[in-house]
Amino acid sequence: GGPRPEDSYLNGQRIISAALATGAQAIHPGYGFLSENAG
């Protein structure tokens, strides 16, 4: 997505789509952004 965090690093659906499209089995959130997002 775009430069704003809400359009990219905070966009959970797009990140999930990227994981599924590339065949990733797990997601590491690091710190900040979605790392403490229960949803």
PDB file of all heavy atoms in Angstrom:
ATOM      1  N   GLY A   1       0.791  -1.224   0.000  1.00  0.00           N
ATOM      2  CA  GLY A   1       0.000   0.000   0.000  1.00  0.00           C
ATOM      3  C   GLY A   1       0.818   1.266   0.000  1.00  0.00           C
ATOM      4  O   GLY A   1       2.042   1.257  -0.184  1.00  0.00           O
ATOM      5  N   GLY A   2       0.129   2.369   0.222  1.00  0.00           N
ATOM      6  CA  GLY A   2       0.729   3.688   0.184  1.00  0.00           C
ATOM      7  C   GLY A   2       1.600   3.995   1.377  1.00  0.00           C
ATOM      8  O   GLY A   2       1.758   3.178   2.293  1.00  0.00           O
ATOM      9  N   PRO A   3       2.172   5.210   1.406  1.00  0.00           N
ATOM     10  CA  PRO A   3       3.132   5.578   2.450  1.00  0.00           C
ATOM     11  C   PRO A   3       2.540   5.630   3.859  1.00  0.00           C
ATOM     12  O   PRO A   3       3.240   5.313   4.818  1.00  0.00           O
ATOM     13  CB  PRO A   3       3.601   6.976   2.018  1.00  0.00           C
ATOM     14  CG  PRO A   3       3.279   7.070   0.568  1.00  0.00           C
ATOM     15  CD  PRO A   3       2.055   6.255   0.371  1.00  0.00           C
ATOM     16  N   ARG A   4       1.285   6.005   3.986  1.00  0.00           N
ATOM     17  CA  ARG A   4       0.706   6.137   5.317  1.00  0.00           C
ATOM     18  C   ARG A   4       0.588   4.765   5.979  1.00  0.00           C
ATOM     19  O   ARG A   4       0.188   3.792   5.326  1.00  0.00           O
ATOM     20  CB  ARG A   4      -0.655   6.805   5.250  1.00  0.00           C
ATOM     21  CG  ARG A   4      -0.649   8.220   4.698  1.00  0.00           C
ATOM     22  CD  ARG A   4      -2.025   8.869   4.835  1.00  0.00           C
ATOM     23  NE  ARG A   4      -3.057   8.022   4.242  1.00  0.00           N
ATOM     24  CZ  ARG A   4      -4.361   8.210   4.417  1.00  0.00           C
ATOM     25  NH1 ARG A   4      -4.791   9.214   5.166  1.00  0.00           N
ATOM     26  NH2 ARG A   4      -5.249   7.403   3.849  1.00  0.00           N
ATOM     27  N   PRO A   5       0.914   4.668   7.258  1.00  0.00           N
ATOM     28  CA  PRO A   5       0.855   3.369   7.935  1.00  0.00           C
ATOM     29  C   PRO A   5      -0.495   2.673   7.804  1.00  0.00           C
ATOM     30  O   PRO A   5      -0.554   1.455   7.613  1.00  0.00           O
ATOM     31  CB  PRO A   5       1.157   3.721   9.398  1.00  0.00           C
ATOM     32  CG  PRO A   5       1.990   4.955   9.318  1.00  0.00           C
ATOM     33  CD  PRO A   5       1.441   5.727   8.147  1.00  0.00           C
ATOM     34  N   GLU A   6      -1.583   3.439   7.884  1.00  0.00           N
ATOM     35  CA  GLU A   6      -2.905   2.818   7.796  1.00  0.00           C
ATOM     36  C   GLU A   6      -3.178   2.205   6.430  1.00  0.00           C
ATOM     37  O   GLU A   6      -4.059   1.352   6.278  1.00  0.00           O
ATOM     38  CB  GLU A   6      -4.003   3.825   8.155  1.00  0.00           C
ATOM     39  CG  GLU A   6      -3.994   5.089   7.333  1.00  0.00           C
ATOM     40  CD  GLU A   6      -3.210   6.217   7.971  1.00  0.00           C
ATOM     41  OE1 GLU A   6      -2.180   5.938   8.624  1.00  0.00           O
ATOM     42  OE2 GLU A   6      -3.632   7.380   7.826  1.00  0.00           O
ATOM     43  N   ASP A   7      -2.429   2.636   5.417  1.00  0.00           N
ATOM     44  CA  ASP A   7      -2.596   2.083   4.082  1.00  0.00           C
ATOM     45  C   ASP A   7      -1.661   0.910   3.799  1.00  0.00           C
ATOM     46  O   ASP A   7      -1.776   0.278   2.743  1.00  0.00           O
ATOM     47  CB  ASP A   7      -2.341   3.169   3.026  1.00  0.00           C
ATOM     48  CG  ASP A   7      -3.355   4.291   3.087  1.00  0.00           C
ATOM     49  OD1 ASP A   7      -4.501   4.021   3.494  1.00  0.00           O
ATOM     50  OD2 ASP A   7      -2.993   5.441   2.758  1.00  0.00           O
ATOM     51  N   SER A   8      -0.739   0.638   4.714  1.00  0.00           N
ATOM     52  CA  SER A   8       0.267  -0.398   4.453  1.00  0.00           C
ATOM     53  C   SER A   8       0.548  -1.243   5.682  1.00  0.00           C
ATOM     54  O   SER A   8      -0.047  -2.306   5.868  1.00  0.00           O
ATOM     55  CB  SER A   8       1.552   0.250   3.924  1.00  0.00           C
ATOM     56  OG  SER A   8       1.974   1.326   4.748  1.00  0.00           O
ATOM     57  N   TYR A   9       1.424  -0.764   6.564  1.00  0.00           N
ATOM     58  CA  TYR A   9       1.877  -1.584   7.685  1.00  0.00           C
ATOM     59  C   TYR A   9       0.798  -1.814   8.748  1.00  0.00           C
ATOM     60  O   TYR A   9       0.929  -2.720   9.572  1.00  0.00           O
ATOM     61  CB  TYR A   9       3.112  -0.952   8.326  1.00  0.00           C
ATOM     62  CG  TYR A   9       4.282  -0.851   7.381  1.00  0.00           C
ATOM     63  CD1 TYR A   9       4.696   0.383   6.875  1.00  0.00           C
ATOM     64  CD2 TYR A   9       4.966  -1.992   6.959  1.00  0.00           C
ATOM     65  CE1 TYR A   9       5.766   0.480   6.000  1.00  0.00           C
ATOM     66  CE2 TYR A   9       6.039  -1.907   6.076  1.00  0.00           C
ATOM     67  CZ  TYR A   9       6.431  -0.663   5.595  1.00  0.00           C
ATOM     68  OH  TYR A   9       7.480  -0.568   4.709  1.00  0.00           O
ATOM     69  N   LEU A  10      -0.258  -1.034   8.719  1.00  0.00           N
ATOM     70  CA  LEU A  10      -1.371  -1.241   9.638  1.00  0.00           C
ATOM     71  C   LEU A  10      -2.574  -1.871   8.941  1.00  0.00           C
ATOM     72  O   LEU A  10      -3.624  -2.040   9.569  1.00  0.00           O
ATOM     73  CB  LEU A  10      -1.787   0.089  10.288  1.00  0.00           C
ATOM     74  CG  LEU A  10      -0.823   0.663  11.327  1.00  0.00           C
ATOM     75  CD1 LEU A  10      -1.270   2.047  11.769  1.00  0.00           C
ATOM     76  CD2 LEU A  10      -0.710  -0.266  12.535  1.00  0.00           C
ATOM     77  N   ASN A  11      -2.422  -2.201   7.681  1.00  0.00           N
ATOM     78  CA  ASN A  11      -3.521  -2.795   6.927  1.00  0.00           C
ATOM     79  C   ASN A  11      -3.432  -4.316   7.024  1.00  0.00           C
ATOM     80  O   ASN A  11      -2.770  -4.982   6.224  1.00  0.00           O
ATOM     81  CB  ASN A  11      -3.464  -2.342   5.463  1.00  0.00           C
ATOM     82  CG  ASN A  11      -4.740  -2.677   4.709  1.00  0.00           C
ATOM     83  OD1 ASN A  11      -5.270  -3.778   4.827  1.00  0.00           O
ATOM     84  ND2 ASN A  11      -5.237  -1.719   3.934  1.00  0.00           N
ATOM     85  N   GLY A  12      -4.089  -4.855   8.035  1.00  0.00           N
ATOM     86  CA  GLY A  12      -3.994  -6.275   8.307  1.00  0.00           C
ATOM     87  C   GLY A  12      -4.457  -7.163   7.165  1.00  0.00           C
ATOM     88  O   GLY A  12      -3.848  -8.200   6.887  1.00  0.00           O
ATOM     89  N   GLN A  13      -5.530  -6.775   6.479  1.00  0.00           N
ATOM     90  CA  GLN A  13      -6.051  -7.606   5.396  1.00  0.00           C
ATOM     91  C   GLN A  13      -5.049  -7.730   4.250  1.00  0.00           C
ATOM     92  O   GLN A  13      -4.866  -8.808   3.683  1.00  0.00           O
ATOM     93  CB  GLN A  13      -7.366  -7.009   4.882  1.00  0.00           C
ATOM     94  CG  GLN A  13      -8.562  -7.236   5.810  1.00  0.00           C
ATOM     95  CD  GLN A  13      -9.065  -8.672   5.769  1.00  0.00           C
ATOM     96  OE1 GLN A  13      -8.548  -9.513   5.035  1.00  0.00           O
ATOM     97  NE2 GLN A  13     -10.052  -8.979   6.589  1.00  0.00           N
ATOM     98  N   ARG A  14      -4.384  -6.625   3.922  1.00  0.00           N
ATOM     99  CA  ARG A  14      -3.399  -6.683   2.835  1.00  0.00           C
ATOM    100  C   ARG A  14      -2.194  -7.524   3.225  1.00  0.00           C
ATOM    101  O   ARG A  14      -1.617  -8.240   2.394  1.00  0.00           O
ATOM    102  CB  ARG A  14      -2.964  -5.270   2.455  1.00  0.00           C
ATOM    103  CG  ARG A  14      -4.062  -4.464   1.771  1.00  0.00           C
ATOM    104  CD  ARG A  14      -3.557  -3.110   1.320  1.00  0.00           C
ATOM    105  NE  ARG A  14      -4.614  -2.348   0.682  1.00  0.00           N
ATOM    106  CZ  ARG A  14      -4.479  -1.103   0.223  1.00  0.00           C
ATOM    107  NH1 ARG A  14      -3.296  -0.486   0.342  1.00  0.00           N
ATOM    108  NH2 ARG A  14      -5.484  -0.480  -0.346  1.00  0.00           N
ATOM    109  N   ILE A  15      -1.795  -7.432   4.487  1.00  0.00           N
ATOM    110  CA  ILE A  15      -0.652  -8.235   4.948  1.00  0.00           C
ATOM    111  C   ILE A  15      -1.004  -9.719   4.953  1.00  0.00           C
ATOM    112  O   ILE A  15      -0.201 -10.567   4.532  1.00  0.00           O
ATOM    113  CB  ILE A  15      -0.193  -7.751   6.342  1.00  0.00           C
ATOM    114  CG1 ILE A  15       0.449  -6.366   6.220  1.00  0.00           C
ATOM    115  CG2 ILE A  15       0.779  -8.746   6.967  1.00  0.00           C
ATOM    116  CD1 ILE A  15       0.738  -5.701   7.535  1.00  0.00           C
ATOM    117  N   ILE A  16      -2.220 -10.050   5.379  1.00  0.00           N
ATOM    118  CA  ILE A  16      -2.680 -11.438   5.326  1.00  0.00           C
ATOM    119  C   ILE A  16      -2.686 -11.935   3.882  1.00  0.00           C
ATOM    120  O   ILE A  16      -2.232 -13.055   3.582  1.00  0.00           O
ATOM    121  CB  ILE A  16      -4.089 -11.565   5.936  1.00  0.00           C
ATOM    122  CG1 ILE A  16      -4.067 -11.287   7.451  1.00  0.00           C
ATOM    123  CG2 ILE A  16      -4.683 -12.943   5.646  1.00  0.00           C
ATOM    124  CD1 ILE A  16      -3.416 -12.353   8.276  1.00  0.00           C
ATOM    125  N   SER A  17      -3.171 -11.107   2.974  1.00  0.00           N
ATOM    126  CA  SER A  17      -3.211 -11.486   1.560  1.00  0.00           C
ATOM    127  C   SER A  17      -1.808 -11.753   1.019  1.00  0.00           C
ATOM    128  O   SER A  17      -1.588 -12.707   0.256  1.00  0.00           O
ATOM    129  CB  SER A  17      -3.877 -10.386   0.730  1.00  0.00           C
ATOM    130  OG  SER A  17      -5.239 -10.230   1.099  1.00  0.00           O
ATOM    131  N   ALA A  18      -0.843 -10.910   1.424  1.00  0.00           N
ATOM    132  CA  ALA A  18       0.542 -11.108   0.992  1.00  0.00           C
ATOM    133  C   ALA A  18       1.092 -12.425   1.518  1.00  0.00           C
ATOM    134  O   ALA A  18       1.809 -13.152   0.809  1.00  0.00           O
ATOM    135  CB  ALA A  18       1.404  -9.941   1.460  1.00  0.00           C
ATOM    136  N   ALA A  19       0.767 -12.755   2.756  1.00  0.00           N
ATOM    137  CA  ALA A  19       1.240 -14.017   3.341  1.00  0.00           C
ATOM    138  C   ALA A  19       0.661 -15.212   2.605  1.00  0.00           C
ATOM    139  O   ALA A  19       1.372 -16.170   2.277  1.00  0.00           O
ATOM    140  CB  ALA A  19       0.876 -14.073   4.821  1.00  0.00           C
ATOM    141  N   LEU A  20      -0.629 -15.165   2.315  1.00  0.00           N
ATOM    142  CA  LEU A  20      -1.281 -16.277   1.627  1.00  0.00           C
ATOM    143  C   LEU A  20      -0.766 -16.410   0.197  1.00  0.00           C
ATOM    144  O   LEU A  20      -0.534 -17.521  -0.300  1.00  0.00           O
ATOM    145  CB  LEU A  20      -2.793 -16.082   1.637  1.00  0.00           C
ATOM    146  CG  LEU A  20      -3.472 -16.104   3.017  1.00  0.00           C
ATOM    147  CD1 LEU A  20      -4.941 -15.756   2.890  1.00  0.00           C
ATOM    148  CD2 LEU A  20      -3.295 -17.465   3.685  1.00  0.00           C
ATOM    149  N   ALA A  21      -0.557 -15.272  -0.468  1.00  0.00           N
ATOM    150  CA  ALA A  21      -0.108 -15.301  -1.861  1.00  0.00           C
ATOM    151  C   ALA A  21       1.302 -15.846  -2.009  1.00  0.00           C
ATOM    152  O   ALA A  21       1.644 -16.454  -3.035  1.00  0.00           O
ATOM    153  CB  ALA A  21      -0.198 -13.903  -2.461  1.00  0.00           C
ATOM    154  N   THR A  22       2.135 -15.627  -1.000  1.00  0.00           N
ATOM    155  CA  THR A  22       3.538 -16.066  -1.075  1.00  0.00           C
ATOM    156  C   THR A  22       3.780 -17.415  -0.404  1.00  0.00           C
ATOM    157  O   THR A  22       4.902 -17.929  -0.424  1.00  0.00           O
ATOM    158  CB  THR A  22       4.456 -15.020  -0.419  1.00  0.00           C
ATOM    159  OG1 THR A  22       4.028 -14.791   0.940  1.00  0.00           O
ATOM    160  CG2 THR A  22       4.418 -13.704  -1.188  1.00  0.00           C
ATOM    161  N   GLY A  23       2.751 -17.976   0.206  1.00  0.00           N
ATOM    162  CA  GLY A  23       2.904 -19.279   0.849  1.00  0.00           C
ATOM    163  C   GLY A  23       3.563 -19.235   2.210  1.00  0.00           C
ATOM    164  O   GLY A  23       4.064 -20.261   2.694  1.00  0.00           O
ATOM    165  N   ALA A  24       3.572 -18.066   2.860  1.00  0.00           N
ATOM    166  CA  ALA A  24       4.123 -17.972   4.217  1.00  0.00           C
ATOM    167  C   ALA A  24       3.221 -18.731   5.181  1.00  0.00           C
ATOM    168  O   ALA A  24       1.998 -18.732   5.044  1.00  0.00           O
ATOM    169  CB  ALA A  24       4.253 -16.511   4.629  1.00  0.00           C
ATOM    170  N   GLN A  25       3.828 -19.354   6.171  1.00  0.00           N
ATOM    171  CA  GLN A  25       3.058 -20.107   7.162  1.00  0.00           C
ATOM    172  C   GLN A  25       2.856 -19.325   8.453  1.00  0.00           C
ATOM    173  O   GLN A  25       1.982 -19.659   9.251  1.00  0.00           O
ATOM    174  CB  GLN A  25       3.793 -21.414   7.492  1.00  0.00           C
ATOM    175  CG  GLN A  25       3.997 -22.312   6.285  1.00  0.00           C
ATOM    176  CD  GLN A  25       5.323 -23.036   6.360  1.00  0.00           C
ATOM    177  OE1 GLN A  25       6.341 -22.470   6.742  1.00  0.00           O
ATOM    178  NE2 GLN A  25       5.315 -24.315   5.997  1.00  0.00           N
ATOM    179  N   ALA A  26       3.689 -18.300   8.660  1.00  0.00           N
ATOM    180  CA  ALA A  26       3.630 -17.538   9.909  1.00  0.00           C
ATOM    181  C   ALA A  26       3.953 -16.085   9.631  1.00  0.00           C
ATOM    182  O   ALA A  26       4.568 -15.748   8.611  1.00  0.00           O
ATOM    183  CB  ALA A  26       4.622 -18.108  10.929  1.00  0.00           C
ATOM    184  N   ILE A  27       3.525 -15.220  10.549  1.00  0.00           N
ATOM    185  CA  ILE A  27       3.790 -13.785  10.442  1.00  0.00           C
ATOM    186  C   ILE A  27       4.452 -13.306  11.723  1.00  0.00           C
ATOM    187  O   ILE A  27       3.941 -13.529  12.817  1.00  0.00           O
ATOM    188  CB  ILE A  27       2.487 -12.992  10.202  1.00  0.00           C
ATOM    189  CG1 ILE A  27       1.890 -13.355   8.840  1.00  0.00           C
ATOM    190  CG2 ILE A  27       2.740 -11.485  10.281  1.00  0.00           C
ATOM    191  CD1 ILE A  27       0.594 -12.642   8.516  1.00  0.00           C
ATOM    192  N   HIS A  28       5.606 -12.663  11.568  1.00  0.00           N
ATOM    193  CA  HIS A  28       6.273 -12.035  12.723  1.00  0.00           C
ATOM    194  C   HIS A  28       5.988 -10.535  12.651  1.00  0.00           C
ATOM    195  O   HIS A  28       6.350  -9.874  11.680  1.00  0.00           O
ATOM    196  CB  HIS A  28       7.777 -12.285  12.678  1.00  0.00           C
ATOM    197  CG  HIS A  28       8.452 -12.033  13.998  1.00  0.00           C
ATOM    198  ND1 HIS A  28       8.288 -10.862  14.725  1.00  0.00           N
ATOM    199  CD2 HIS A  28       9.285 -12.811  14.748  1.00  0.00           C
ATOM    200  CE1 HIS A  28       8.978 -10.929  15.842  1.00  0.00           C
ATOM    201  NE2 HIS A  28       9.588 -12.112  15.888  1.00  0.00           N
ATOM    202  N   PRO A  29       5.351  -9.973  13.700  1.00  0.00           N
ATOM    203  CA  PRO A  29       4.954  -8.564  13.651  1.00  0.00           C
ATOM    204  C   PRO A  29       6.017  -7.590  14.126  1.00  0.00           C
ATOM    205  O   PRO A  29       5.822  -6.372  14.024  1.00  0.00           O
ATOM    206  CB  PRO A  29       3.748  -8.522  14.585  1.00  0.00           C
ATOM    207  CG  PRO A  29       4.101  -9.527  15.648  1.00  0.00           C
ATOM    208  CD  PRO A  29       4.835 -10.639  14.908  1.00  0.00           C
ATOM    209  N   GLY A  30       7.152  -8.095  14.665  1.00  0.00           N
ATOM    210  CA  GLY A  30       8.165  -7.181  15.198  1.00  0.00           C
ATOM    211  C   GLY A  30       7.640  -6.414  16.393  1.00  0.00           C
ATOM    212  O   GLY A  30       6.997  -6.975  17.280  1.00  0.00           O
ATOM    213  N   TYR A  31       7.900  -5.087  16.421  1.00  0.00           N
ATOM    214  CA  TYR A  31       7.323  -4.232  17.464  1.00  0.00           C
ATOM    215  C   TYR A  31       6.611  -3.058  16.781  1.00  0.00           C
ATOM    216  O   TYR A  31       6.892  -2.726  15.631  1.00  0.00           O
ATOM    217  CB  TYR A  31       8.385  -3.743  18.451  1.00  0.00           C
ATOM    218  CG  TYR A  31       9.572  -3.042  17.836  1.00  0.00           C
ATOM    219  CD1 TYR A  31       9.468  -1.757  17.294  1.00  0.00           C
ATOM    220  CD2 TYR A  31      10.828  -3.646  17.819  1.00  0.00           C
ATOM    221  CE1 TYR A  31      10.557  -1.116  16.735  1.00  0.00           C
ATOM    222  CE2 TYR A  31      11.928  -3.011  17.256  1.00  0.00           C
ATOM    223  CZ  TYR A  31      11.786  -1.746  16.720  1.00  0.00           C
ATOM    224  OH  TYR A  31      12.870  -1.106  16.169  1.00  0.00           O
ATOM    225  N   GLY A  32       5.705  -2.413  17.504  1.00  0.00           N
ATOM    226  CA  GLY A  32       4.921  -1.350  16.889  1.00  0.00           C
ATOM    227  C   GLY A  32       3.929  -1.909  15.885  1.00  0.00           C
ATOM    228  O   GLY A  32       3.687  -3.119  15.800  1.00  0.00           O
ATOM    229  N   PHE A  33       3.325  -1.029  15.089  1.00  0.00           N
ATOM    230  CA  PHE A  33       2.353  -1.409  14.068  1.00  0.00           C
ATOM    231  C   PHE A  33       1.335  -2.418  14.619  1.00  0.00           C
ATOM    232  O   PHE A  33       0.612  -2.117  15.551  1.00  0.00           O
ATOM    233  CB  PHE A  33       3.053  -1.912  12.812  1.00  0.00           C
ATOM    234  CG  PHE A  33       3.834  -0.854  12.079  1.00  0.00           C
ATOM    235  CD1 PHE A  33       5.155  -1.069  11.694  1.00  0.00           C
ATOM    236  CD2 PHE A  33       3.265   0.377  11.784  1.00  0.00           C
ATOM    237  CE1 PHE A  33       5.879  -0.088  11.016  1.00  0.00           C
ATOM    238  CE2 PHE A  33       3.981   1.365  11.116  1.00  0.00           C
ATOM    239  CZ  PHE A  33       5.283   1.125  10.740  1.00  0.00           C
ATOM    240  N   LEU A  34       1.308  -3.641  14.092  1.00  0.00           N
ATOM    241  CA  LEU A  34       0.272  -4.614  14.463  1.00  0.00           C
ATOM    242  C   LEU A  34       0.725  -5.604  15.533  1.00  0.00           C
ATOM    243  O   LEU A  34       0.034  -6.582  15.813  1.00  0.00           O
ATOM    244  CB  LEU A  34      -0.169  -5.386  13.217  1.00  0.00           C
ATOM    245  CG  LEU A  34      -0.868  -4.548  12.138  1.00  0.00           C
ATOM    246  CD1 LEU A  34      -1.028  -5.361  10.864  1.00  0.00           C
ATOM    247  CD2 LEU A  34      -2.219  -4.047  12.630  1.00  0.00           C
ATOM    248  N   SER A  35       1.867  -5.346  16.159  1.00  0.00           N
ATOM    249  CA  SER A  35       2.449  -6.333  17.078  1.00  0.00           C
ATOM    250  C   SER A  35       1.600  -6.590  18.317  1.00  0.00           C
ATOM    251  O   SER A  35       1.666  -7.678  18.892  1.00  0.00           O
ATOM    252  CB  SER A  35       3.851  -5.894  17.503  1.00  0.00           C
ATOM    253  OG  SER A  35       3.802  -4.669  18.214  1.00  0.00           O
ATOM    254  N   GLU A  36       0.817  -5.617  18.748  1.00  0.00           N
ATOM    255  CA  GLU A  36      -0.042  -5.798  19.919  1.00  0.00           C
ATOM    256  C   GLU A  36      -1.507  -5.595  19.555  1.00  0.00           C
ATOM    257  O   GLU A  36      -2.315  -5.180  20.367  1.00  0.00           O
ATOM    258  CB  GLU A  36       0.385  -4.841  21.031  1.00  0.00           C
ATOM    259  CG  GLU A  36       1.757  -5.165  21.613  1.00  0.00           C
ATOM    260  CD  GLU A  36       2.176  -4.231  22.734  1.00  0.00           C
ATOM    261  OE1 GLU A  36       2.524  -3.067  22.436  1.00  0.00           O
ATOM    262  OE2 GLU A  36       2.167  -4.660  23.903  1.00  0.00           O
ATOM    263  N   ASN A  37      -1.836  -5.945  18.317  1.00  0.00           N
ATOM    264  CA  ASN A  37      -3.195  -5.807  17.823  1.00  0.00           C
ATOM    265  C   ASN A  37      -3.886  -7.165  17.906  1.00  0.00           C
ATOM    266  O   ASN A  37      -3.601  -8.068  17.114  1.00  0.00           O
ATOM    267  CB  ASN A  37      -3.160  -5.290  16.380  1.00  0.00           C
ATOM    268  CG  ASN A  37      -4.532  -4.959  15.839  1.00  0.00           C
ATOM    269  OD1 ASN A  37      -5.425  -5.799  15.832  1.00  0.00           O
ATOM    270  ND2 ASN A  37      -4.697  -3.727  15.378  1.00  0.00           N
ATOM    271  N   ALA A  38      -4.773  -7.301  18.873  1.00  0.00           N
ATOM    272  CA  ALA A  38      -5.449  -8.585  19.080  1.00  0.00           C
ATOM    273  C   ALA A  38      -6.275  -8.977  17.862  1.00  0.00           C
ATOM    274  O   ALA A  38      -6.361 -10.165  17.511  1.00  0.00           O
ATOM    275  CB  ALA A  38      -6.336  -8.506  20.322  1.00  0.00           C
ATOM    276  N   GLY A  39      -6.879  -7.988  17.200  1.00  0.00           N
ATOM    277  CA  GLY A  39      -7.677  -8.279  16.013  1.00  0.00           C
ATOM    278  C   GLY A  39      -6.844  -8.894  14.907  1.00  0.00           C
ATOM    279  O   GLY A  39      -7.285  -9.839  14.228  1.00  0.00           O
TER     280      GLY A  39
END
